Amino acid sequence: MIKRILILCIFCLCCASPNASSSDIYQLALPDGVVIEAEVVKDKAKGLQNRNYLCPECGMLFIFEAEGLHSFWMKDTLLSLTLVWMDKQGKVVHIVRAAEPCKYESDPRRECEVYIPGSKAKYVLELLPGADSSIKIGSELKILKPDKRE
């Protein structure tokens, strides 16, 4: 069992973005106590595009300068994802569960669904479906910045 966990950890590290450093990872505590290790995205237009693996307790966190109606799509995304929009306090304002990758034939701008939240958000968390089971509209996710980790 320990050997499997070590292999999974090594695999997660290998699949992380080559530009990520420890300061680019936040922890998010979900309502059920599960802690997600979320890589802070540098290129908001790219996100998890073209990645074929994400560990069950991993995610990607988008941090915007200001709250807004930040839209997302699944162009060139290989994984089904849950998208969680949060306000500046970490309160969940919108969720899209199990968004499927967009398979387009010619024009992704016409063929890919765009997900727009119903309320303004400062943060958006992408994670695997299933890891999101305790998250509901109104839930608060505790966002721990790298320098606040225990």
N, C-alpha and C. Protein backbone atom coordinates (compact mmCIF):
# COMPACT_ATOMS: atom_id res chain seq x y z
N MET A 1 0.83 -1.20 0.00
CA MET A 1 0.00 0.00 0.00
C MET A 1 0.88 1.26 0.00
N ILE A 2 1.88 1.29 0.86
CA ILE A 2 2.77 2.45 0.93
C ILE A 2 3.49 2.64 -0.40
N LYS A 3 3.88 1.53 -1.01
CA LYS A 3 4.57 1.60 -2.30
C LYS A 3 3.67 2.23 -3.36
N ARG A 4 2.38 1.88 -3.36
CA ARG A 4 1.43 2.46 -4.31
C ARG A 4 1.27 3.96 -4.09
N ILE A 5 1.20 4.37 -2.82
CA ILE A 5 1.06 5.79 -2.50
C ILE A 5 2.28 6.56 -2.97
N LEU A 6 3.47 6.02 -2.75
CA LEU A 6 4.70 6.67 -3.20
C LEU A 6 4.73 6.81 -4.72
N ILE A 7 4.32 5.76 -5.41
CA ILE A 7 4.30 5.80 -6.88
C ILE A 7 3.32 6.87 -7.35
N LEU A 8 2.14 6.95 -6.70
CA LEU A 8 1.15 7.96 -7.06
C LEU A 8 1.70 9.36 -6.82
N CYS A 9 2.38 9.57 -5.69
CA CYS A 9 2.96 10.89 -5.39
C CYS A 9 4.00 11.27 -6.43
N ILE A 10 4.84 10.35 -6.81
CA ILE A 10 5.86 10.62 -7.81
C ILE A 10 5.20 10.95 -9.14
N PHE A 11 4.14 10.19 -9.48
CA PHE A 11 3.43 10.42 -10.73
C PHE A 11 2.80 11.81 -10.73
N CYS A 12 2.21 12.21 -9.59
CA CYS A 12 1.60 13.55 -9.49
C CYS A 12 2.64 14.63 -9.70
N LEU A 13 3.81 14.46 -9.11
CA LEU A 13 4.88 15.45 -9.26
C LEU A 13 5.35 15.52 -10.71
N CYS A 14 5.41 14.39 -11.36
CA CYS A 14 5.85 14.36 -12.76
C CYS A 14 4.85 15.03 -13.68
N CYS A 15 3.58 14.95 -13.35
CA CYS A 15 2.53 15.50 -14.20
C CYS A 15 2.25 16.96 -13.91
N ALA A 16 2.81 17.51 -12.84
CA ALA A 16 2.58 18.91 -12.51
C ALA A 16 3.25 19.79 -13.55
N SER A 17 2.77 20.99 -13.64
CA SER A 17 3.34 21.94 -14.59
C SER A 17 4.80 22.18 -14.29
N PRO A 18 5.67 22.20 -15.30
CA PRO A 18 7.08 22.42 -15.06
C PRO A 18 7.37 23.80 -14.50
N ASN A 19 6.44 24.73 -14.62
CA ASN A 19 6.64 26.07 -14.09
C ASN A 19 6.15 26.22 -12.65
N ALA A 20 5.53 25.18 -12.11
CA ALA A 20 4.97 25.28 -10.76
C ALA A 20 6.08 25.16 -9.73
N SER A 21 5.99 25.98 -8.71
CA SER A 21 6.89 25.86 -7.57
C SER A 21 6.01 25.76 -6.34
N SER A 22 6.62 25.53 -5.17
CA SER A 22 5.82 25.36 -3.97
C SER A 22 4.96 26.59 -3.69
N SER A 23 5.39 27.78 -4.12
CA SER A 23 4.59 28.97 -3.88
C SER A 23 3.39 29.04 -4.82
N ASP A 24 3.33 28.18 -5.82
CA ASP A 24 2.22 28.16 -6.76
C ASP A 24 1.13 27.17 -6.37
N ILE A 25 1.26 26.55 -5.22
CA ILE A 25 0.29 25.56 -4.77
C ILE A 25 -0.44 26.08 -3.53
N TYR A 26 -1.76 26.09 -3.60
CA TYR A 26 -2.59 26.45 -2.45
C TYR A 26 -3.28 25.19 -1.97
N GLN A 27 -3.67 25.18 -0.72
CA GLN A 27 -4.51 24.11 -0.20
C GLN A 27 -5.91 24.66 -0.02
N LEU A 28 -6.89 23.87 -0.41
CA LEU A 28 -8.29 24.24 -0.21
C LEU A 28 -8.96 23.15 0.61
N ALA A 29 -9.49 23.53 1.76
CA ALA A 29 -10.19 22.58 2.62
C ALA A 29 -11.66 22.56 2.21
N LEU A 30 -12.13 21.39 1.79
CA LEU A 30 -13.52 21.23 1.39
C LEU A 30 -14.40 21.02 2.62
N PRO A 31 -15.72 21.18 2.49
CA PRO A 31 -16.61 21.02 3.65
C PRO A 31 -16.50 19.68 4.36
N ASP A 32 -16.14 18.60 3.63
CA ASP A 32 -16.04 17.28 4.26
C ASP A 32 -14.66 17.03 4.87
N GLY A 33 -13.78 18.04 4.85
CA GLY A 33 -12.45 17.89 5.45
C GLY A 33 -11.37 17.47 4.47
N VAL A 34 -11.75 17.07 3.26
CA VAL A 34 -10.76 16.71 2.25
C VAL A 34 -9.99 17.97 1.88
N VAL A 35 -8.68 17.83 1.74
CA VAL A 35 -7.83 18.96 1.35
C VAL A 35 -7.36 18.74 -0.09
N ILE A 36 -7.62 19.72 -0.92
CA ILE A 36 -7.21 19.69 -2.33
C ILE A 36 -5.93 20.51 -2.46
N GLU A 37 -4.94 19.94 -3.11
CA GLU A 37 -3.71 20.67 -3.45
C GLU A 37 -3.97 21.28 -4.83
N ALA A 38 -4.08 22.60 -4.87
CA ALA A 38 -4.46 23.26 -6.12
C ALA A 38 -3.31 24.10 -6.67
N GLU A 39 -2.93 23.78 -7.88
CA GLU A 39 -1.92 24.57 -8.58
C GLU A 39 -2.56 25.87 -9.04
N VAL A 40 -1.91 26.98 -8.77
CA VAL A 40 -2.41 28.27 -9.22
C VAL A 40 -2.00 28.43 -10.68
N VAL A 41 -2.99 28.66 -11.53
CA VAL A 41 -2.74 28.74 -12.96
C VAL A 41 -2.06 30.06 -13.30
N LYS A 42 -1.06 29.96 -14.16
CA LYS A 42 -0.37 31.16 -14.64
C LYS A 42 -1.00 31.65 -15.94
N ASP A 43 -1.34 30.73 -16.83
CA ASP A 43 -1.95 31.08 -18.11
C ASP A 43 -3.44 30.74 -18.05
N LYS A 44 -4.25 31.73 -17.72
CA LYS A 44 -5.69 31.49 -17.52
C LYS A 44 -6.39 30.96 -18.77
N ALA A 45 -5.85 31.24 -19.94
CA ALA A 45 -6.46 30.74 -21.17
C ALA A 45 -6.20 29.26 -21.36
N LYS A 46 -5.18 28.73 -20.70
CA LYS A 46 -4.80 27.32 -20.91
C LYS A 46 -5.34 26.40 -19.82
N GLY A 47 -5.16 26.73 -18.56
CA GLY A 47 -5.65 25.91 -17.47
C GLY A 47 -5.18 24.46 -17.56
N LEU A 48 -6.12 23.52 -17.53
CA LEU A 48 -5.78 22.09 -17.58
C LEU A 48 -5.84 21.52 -19.00
N GLN A 49 -5.80 22.37 -20.01
CA GLN A 49 -5.84 21.87 -21.38
C GLN A 49 -4.67 20.91 -21.64
N ASN A 50 -4.98 19.87 -22.38
CA ASN A 50 -4.00 18.88 -22.84
C ASN A 50 -3.35 18.05 -21.73
N ARG A 51 -3.86 18.11 -20.53
CA ARG A 51 -3.37 17.23 -19.47
C ARG A 51 -4.25 15.99 -19.43
N ASN A 52 -3.61 14.84 -19.31
CA ASN A 52 -4.40 13.61 -19.30
C ASN A 52 -4.49 12.97 -17.92
N TYR A 53 -3.97 13.65 -16.90
CA TYR A 53 -4.06 13.09 -15.55
C TYR A 53 -4.15 14.22 -14.52
N LEU A 54 -4.95 13.98 -13.49
CA LEU A 54 -5.04 14.86 -12.34
C LEU A 54 -5.31 13.96 -11.15
N CYS A 55 -4.50 14.04 -10.12
CA CYS A 55 -4.68 13.14 -8.97
C CYS A 55 -6.01 13.46 -8.27
N PRO A 56 -6.59 12.51 -7.56
CA PRO A 56 -7.91 12.68 -6.95
C PRO A 56 -8.01 13.85 -5.96
N GLU A 57 -6.92 14.21 -5.30
CA GLU A 57 -6.94 15.33 -4.36
C GLU A 57 -6.17 16.53 -4.90
N CYS A 58 -6.13 16.66 -6.22
CA CYS A 58 -5.45 17.78 -6.86
C CYS A 58 -6.47 18.62 -7.63
N GLY A 59 -6.07 19.84 -7.93
CA GLY A 59 -6.93 20.71 -8.71
C GLY A 59 -6.13 21.85 -9.28
N MET A 60 -6.84 22.75 -9.94
CA MET A 60 -6.23 23.96 -10.47
C MET A 60 -7.06 25.12 -9.99
N LEU A 61 -6.39 26.16 -9.48
CA LEU A 61 -7.07 27.32 -8.93
C LEU A 61 -6.78 28.54 -9.81
N PHE A 62 -7.85 29.19 -10.25
CA PHE A 62 -7.76 30.44 -10.99
C PHE A 62 -8.05 31.56 -10.01
N ILE A 63 -7.15 32.52 -9.91
CA ILE A 63 -7.33 33.67 -9.03
C ILE A 63 -7.40 34.91 -9.92
N PHE A 64 -8.52 35.60 -9.86
CA PHE A 64 -8.72 36.78 -10.69
C PHE A 64 -8.49 38.05 -9.88
N GLU A 65 -8.09 39.11 -10.56
CA GLU A 65 -7.82 40.39 -9.89
C GLU A 65 -9.06 40.91 -9.17
N ALA A 66 -10.20 40.76 -9.80
CA ALA A 66 -11.45 41.27 -9.23
C ALA A 66 -12.56 40.25 -9.45
N GLU A 67 -13.59 40.34 -8.62
CA GLU A 67 -14.75 39.48 -8.81
C GLU A 67 -15.41 39.85 -10.14
N GLY A 68 -15.90 38.82 -10.81
CA GLY A 68 -16.57 39.05 -12.09
C GLY A 68 -17.27 37.78 -12.54
N LEU A 69 -17.91 37.85 -13.68
CA LEU A 69 -18.58 36.69 -14.27
C LEU A 69 -17.59 35.99 -15.20
N HIS A 70 -16.61 35.32 -14.62
CA HIS A 70 -15.53 34.68 -15.37
C HIS A 70 -16.04 33.38 -16.00
N SER A 71 -16.03 33.33 -17.32
CA SER A 71 -16.56 32.17 -18.04
C SER A 71 -15.45 31.17 -18.37
N PHE A 72 -15.85 29.91 -18.53
CA PHE A 72 -14.92 28.82 -18.83
C PHE A 72 -15.52 27.95 -19.92
N TRP A 73 -14.63 27.26 -20.63
CA TRP A 73 -15.05 26.24 -21.58
C TRP A 73 -14.07 25.09 -21.48
N MET A 74 -14.37 24.01 -22.17
CA MET A 74 -13.57 22.78 -22.05
C MET A 74 -12.79 22.49 -23.34
N LYS A 75 -12.43 23.54 -24.09
CA LYS A 75 -11.67 23.37 -25.32
C LYS A 75 -10.31 22.74 -25.01
N ASP A 76 -9.99 21.68 -25.75
CA ASP A 76 -8.71 20.97 -25.62
C ASP A 76 -8.45 20.41 -24.22
N THR A 77 -9.52 20.25 -23.46
CA THR A 77 -9.40 19.64 -22.14
C THR A 77 -9.68 18.15 -22.32
N LEU A 78 -8.83 17.32 -21.74
CA LEU A 78 -8.94 15.87 -21.93
C LEU A 78 -9.71 15.18 -20.81
N LEU A 79 -9.92 15.86 -19.71
CA LEU A 79 -10.56 15.28 -18.53
C LEU A 79 -11.93 15.90 -18.29
N SER A 80 -12.85 15.10 -17.75
CA SER A 80 -14.09 15.68 -17.23
C SER A 80 -13.72 16.40 -15.94
N LEU A 81 -14.29 17.57 -15.73
CA LEU A 81 -13.94 18.37 -14.55
C LEU A 81 -15.19 18.94 -13.90
N THR A 82 -15.07 19.21 -12.62
CA THR A 82 -16.06 20.02 -11.92
C THR A 82 -15.46 21.40 -11.77
N LEU A 83 -16.25 22.43 -12.06
CA LEU A 83 -15.83 23.82 -11.95
C LEU A 83 -16.57 24.45 -10.79
N VAL A 84 -15.83 25.07 -9.87
CA VAL A 84 -16.42 25.67 -8.67
C VAL A 84 -16.02 27.14 -8.62
N TRP A 85 -17.01 28.03 -8.74
CA TRP A 85 -16.77 29.46 -8.64
C TRP A 85 -16.99 29.90 -7.20
N MET A 86 -16.06 30.73 -6.67
CA MET A 86 -16.15 31.22 -5.29
C MET A 86 -15.96 32.73 -5.25
N ASP A 87 -16.63 33.37 -4.30
CA ASP A 87 -16.44 34.80 -4.13
C ASP A 87 -15.14 35.06 -3.35
N LYS A 88 -14.88 36.32 -3.04
CA LYS A 88 -13.60 36.66 -2.40
C LYS A 88 -13.44 36.08 -0.99
N GLN A 89 -14.53 35.64 -0.37
CA GLN A 89 -14.45 34.99 0.95
C GLN A 89 -14.31 33.46 0.84
N GLY A 90 -14.37 32.93 -0.37
CA GLY A 90 -14.30 31.48 -0.56
C GLY A 90 -15.66 30.80 -0.53
N LYS A 91 -16.73 31.58 -0.55
CA LYS A 91 -18.09 31.04 -0.57
C LYS A 91 -18.44 30.61 -1.99
N VAL A 92 -18.94 29.39 -2.13
CA VAL A 92 -19.29 28.84 -3.45
C VAL A 92 -20.54 29.55 -3.98
N VAL A 93 -20.41 30.13 -5.19
CA VAL A 93 -21.52 30.85 -5.80
C VAL A 93 -22.08 30.14 -7.04
N HIS A 94 -21.30 29.20 -7.60
CA HIS A 94 -21.77 28.49 -8.80
C HIS A 94 -20.95 27.21 -8.96
N ILE A 95 -21.59 26.15 -9.46
CA ILE A 95 -20.91 24.86 -9.68
C ILE A 95 -21.38 24.29 -11.01
N VAL A 96 -20.44 23.76 -11.77
CA VAL A 96 -20.76 22.93 -12.93
C VAL A 96 -20.09 21.60 -12.67
N ARG A 97 -20.88 20.55 -12.52
CA ARG A 97 -20.35 19.23 -12.20
C ARG A 97 -20.13 18.41 -13.47
N ALA A 98 -18.99 17.75 -13.52
CA ALA A 98 -18.65 16.81 -14.60
C ALA A 98 -18.79 17.44 -15.98
N ALA A 99 -18.20 18.61 -16.15
CA ALA A 99 -18.17 19.22 -17.48
C ALA A 99 -17.31 18.34 -18.38
N GLU A 100 -17.86 17.96 -19.51
CA GLU A 100 -17.17 17.06 -20.43
C GLU A 100 -16.25 17.82 -21.37
N PRO A 101 -15.15 17.20 -21.77
CA PRO A 101 -14.28 17.84 -22.75
C PRO A 101 -15.05 18.17 -24.03
N CYS A 102 -14.69 19.27 -24.64
CA CYS A 102 -15.35 19.68 -25.88
C CYS A 102 -14.67 18.99 -27.06
N LYS A 103 -15.45 18.27 -27.81
CA LYS A 103 -14.95 17.64 -29.04
C LYS A 103 -15.56 18.42 -30.20
N TYR A 104 -14.74 19.21 -30.82
CA TYR A 104 -15.22 20.07 -31.90
C TYR A 104 -14.63 19.62 -33.22
N GLU A 105 -15.35 19.92 -34.29
CA GLU A 105 -14.90 19.53 -35.62
C GLU A 105 -14.21 20.65 -36.37
N SER A 106 -14.71 21.88 -36.21
CA SER A 106 -14.08 22.96 -36.98
C SER A 106 -13.87 24.23 -36.17
N ASP A 107 -14.88 24.68 -35.42
CA ASP A 107 -14.78 25.96 -34.74
C ASP A 107 -15.17 25.83 -33.28
N PRO A 108 -14.19 25.76 -32.38
CA PRO A 108 -14.53 25.59 -30.97
C PRO A 108 -15.37 26.74 -30.41
N ARG A 109 -15.25 27.93 -30.99
CA ARG A 109 -16.04 29.06 -30.50
C ARG A 109 -17.53 28.86 -30.73
N ARG A 110 -17.87 28.04 -31.70
CA ARG A 110 -19.28 27.74 -31.97
C ARG A 110 -19.71 26.40 -31.39
N GLU A 111 -18.77 25.49 -31.24
CA GLU A 111 -19.13 24.12 -30.88
C GLU A 111 -18.91 23.76 -29.41
N CYS A 112 -18.15 24.56 -28.68
CA CYS A 112 -17.88 24.27 -27.27
C CYS A 112 -18.82 25.07 -26.38
N GLU A 113 -19.39 24.39 -25.40
CA GLU A 113 -20.26 25.08 -24.44
C GLU A 113 -19.41 26.00 -23.57
N VAL A 114 -19.96 27.18 -23.29
CA VAL A 114 -19.31 28.14 -22.40
C VAL A 114 -20.11 28.17 -21.11
N TYR A 115 -19.40 28.00 -19.99
CA TYR A 115 -20.03 27.98 -18.67
C TYR A 115 -19.85 29.35 -18.03
N ILE A 116 -20.96 30.01 -17.74
CA ILE A 116 -20.94 31.35 -17.15
C ILE A 116 -21.65 31.27 -15.80
N PRO A 117 -21.00 31.74 -14.74
CA PRO A 117 -21.64 31.67 -13.42
C PRO A 117 -22.79 32.67 -13.32
N GLY A 118 -23.70 32.40 -12.40
CA GLY A 118 -24.83 33.29 -12.16
C GLY A 118 -24.50 34.42 -11.21
N SER A 119 -23.34 34.32 -10.55
CA SER A 119 -22.90 35.35 -9.60
C SER A 119 -21.42 35.62 -9.82
N LYS A 120 -20.99 36.78 -9.39
CA LYS A 120 -19.59 37.16 -9.53
C LYS A 120 -18.71 36.29 -8.63
N ALA A 121 -17.49 36.01 -9.13
CA ALA A 121 -16.54 35.18 -8.40
C ALA A 121 -15.13 35.75 -8.55
N LYS A 122 -14.31 35.49 -7.55
CA LYS A 122 -12.89 35.87 -7.60
C LYS A 122 -12.03 34.65 -7.89
N TYR A 123 -12.50 33.46 -7.47
CA TYR A 123 -11.75 32.22 -7.62
C TYR A 123 -12.58 31.20 -8.40
N VAL A 124 -11.88 30.37 -9.17
CA VAL A 124 -12.52 29.21 -9.79
C VAL A 124 -11.59 28.03 -9.56
N LEU A 125 -12.15 26.94 -9.04
CA LEU A 125 -11.40 25.71 -8.78
C LEU A 125 -11.86 24.65 -9.77
N GLU A 126 -10.89 24.04 -10.45
CA GLU A 126 -11.18 22.88 -11.30
C GLU A 126 -10.68 21.65 -10.56
N LEU A 127 -11.53 20.64 -10.47
CA LEU A 127 -11.13 19.38 -9.84
C LEU A 127 -11.90 18.24 -10.47
N LEU A 128 -11.50 17.03 -10.14
CA LEU A 128 -12.15 15.86 -10.72
C LEU A 128 -13.53 15.65 -10.14
N PRO A 129 -14.48 15.21 -10.96
CA PRO A 129 -15.79 14.84 -10.43
C PRO A 129 -15.61 13.75 -9.38
N GLY A 130 -16.38 13.83 -8.33
CA GLY A 130 -16.24 12.88 -7.22
C GLY A 130 -15.56 13.54 -6.04
N ALA A 131 -14.53 14.32 -6.29
CA ALA A 131 -13.85 15.05 -5.21
C ALA A 131 -14.73 16.19 -4.72
N ASP A 132 -15.76 16.50 -5.48
CA ASP A 132 -16.61 17.66 -5.21
C ASP A 132 -17.90 17.32 -4.46
N SER A 133 -18.05 16.10 -3.99
CA SER A 133 -19.34 15.65 -3.46
C SER A 133 -19.84 16.45 -2.26
N SER A 134 -18.95 17.05 -1.47
CA SER A 134 -19.39 17.81 -0.31
C SER A 134 -19.61 19.29 -0.61
N ILE A 135 -19.32 19.71 -1.83
CA ILE A 135 -19.42 21.13 -2.19
C ILE A 135 -20.82 21.45 -2.68
N LYS A 136 -21.41 22.49 -2.11
CA LYS A 136 -22.74 22.94 -2.51
C LYS A 136 -22.71 24.46 -2.63
N ILE A 137 -23.69 25.03 -3.30
CA ILE A 137 -23.81 26.49 -3.36
C ILE A 137 -23.94 26.98 -1.91
N GLY A 138 -23.15 27.97 -1.55
CA GLY A 138 -23.18 28.50 -0.19
C GLY A 138 -22.11 27.90 0.72
N SER A 139 -21.53 26.75 0.33
CA SER A 139 -20.43 26.17 1.10
C SER A 139 -19.26 27.13 1.11
N GLU A 140 -18.47 27.09 2.17
CA GLU A 140 -17.24 27.89 2.20
C GLU A 140 -16.05 26.96 2.11
N LEU A 141 -15.17 27.26 1.17
CA LEU A 141 -13.93 26.52 1.03
C LEU A 141 -12.84 27.37 1.67
N LYS A 142 -12.11 26.76 2.56
CA LYS A 142 -11.02 27.48 3.21
C LYS A 142 -9.81 27.42 2.30
N ILE A 143 -9.35 28.59 1.90
CA ILE A 143 -8.21 28.68 0.98
C ILE A 143 -6.98 29.04 1.80
N LEU A 144 -6.02 28.12 1.84
CA LEU A 144 -4.79 28.34 2.59
C LEU A 144 -3.68 28.69 1.63
N LYS A 145 -3.19 29.90 1.74
CA LYS A 145 -2.08 30.34 0.90
C LYS A 145 -0.84 29.57 1.34
N PRO A 146 0.13 29.46 0.46
CA PRO A 146 1.34 28.67 0.77
C PRO A 146 2.01 29.05 2.09
N ASP A 147 2.04 30.33 2.42
CA ASP A 147 2.71 30.75 3.64
C ASP A 147 1.87 30.52 4.89
N LYS A 148 0.63 30.05 4.73
CA LYS A 148 -0.27 29.80 5.86
C LYS A 148 -0.44 28.31 6.16
N ARG A 149 0.29 27.47 5.45
CA ARG A 149 0.14 26.02 5.63
C ARG A 149 0.58 25.61 7.02
N GLU A 150 -0.05 24.54 7.49
CA GLU A 150 0.32 24.02 8.81
C GLU A 150 1.28 22.87 8.65
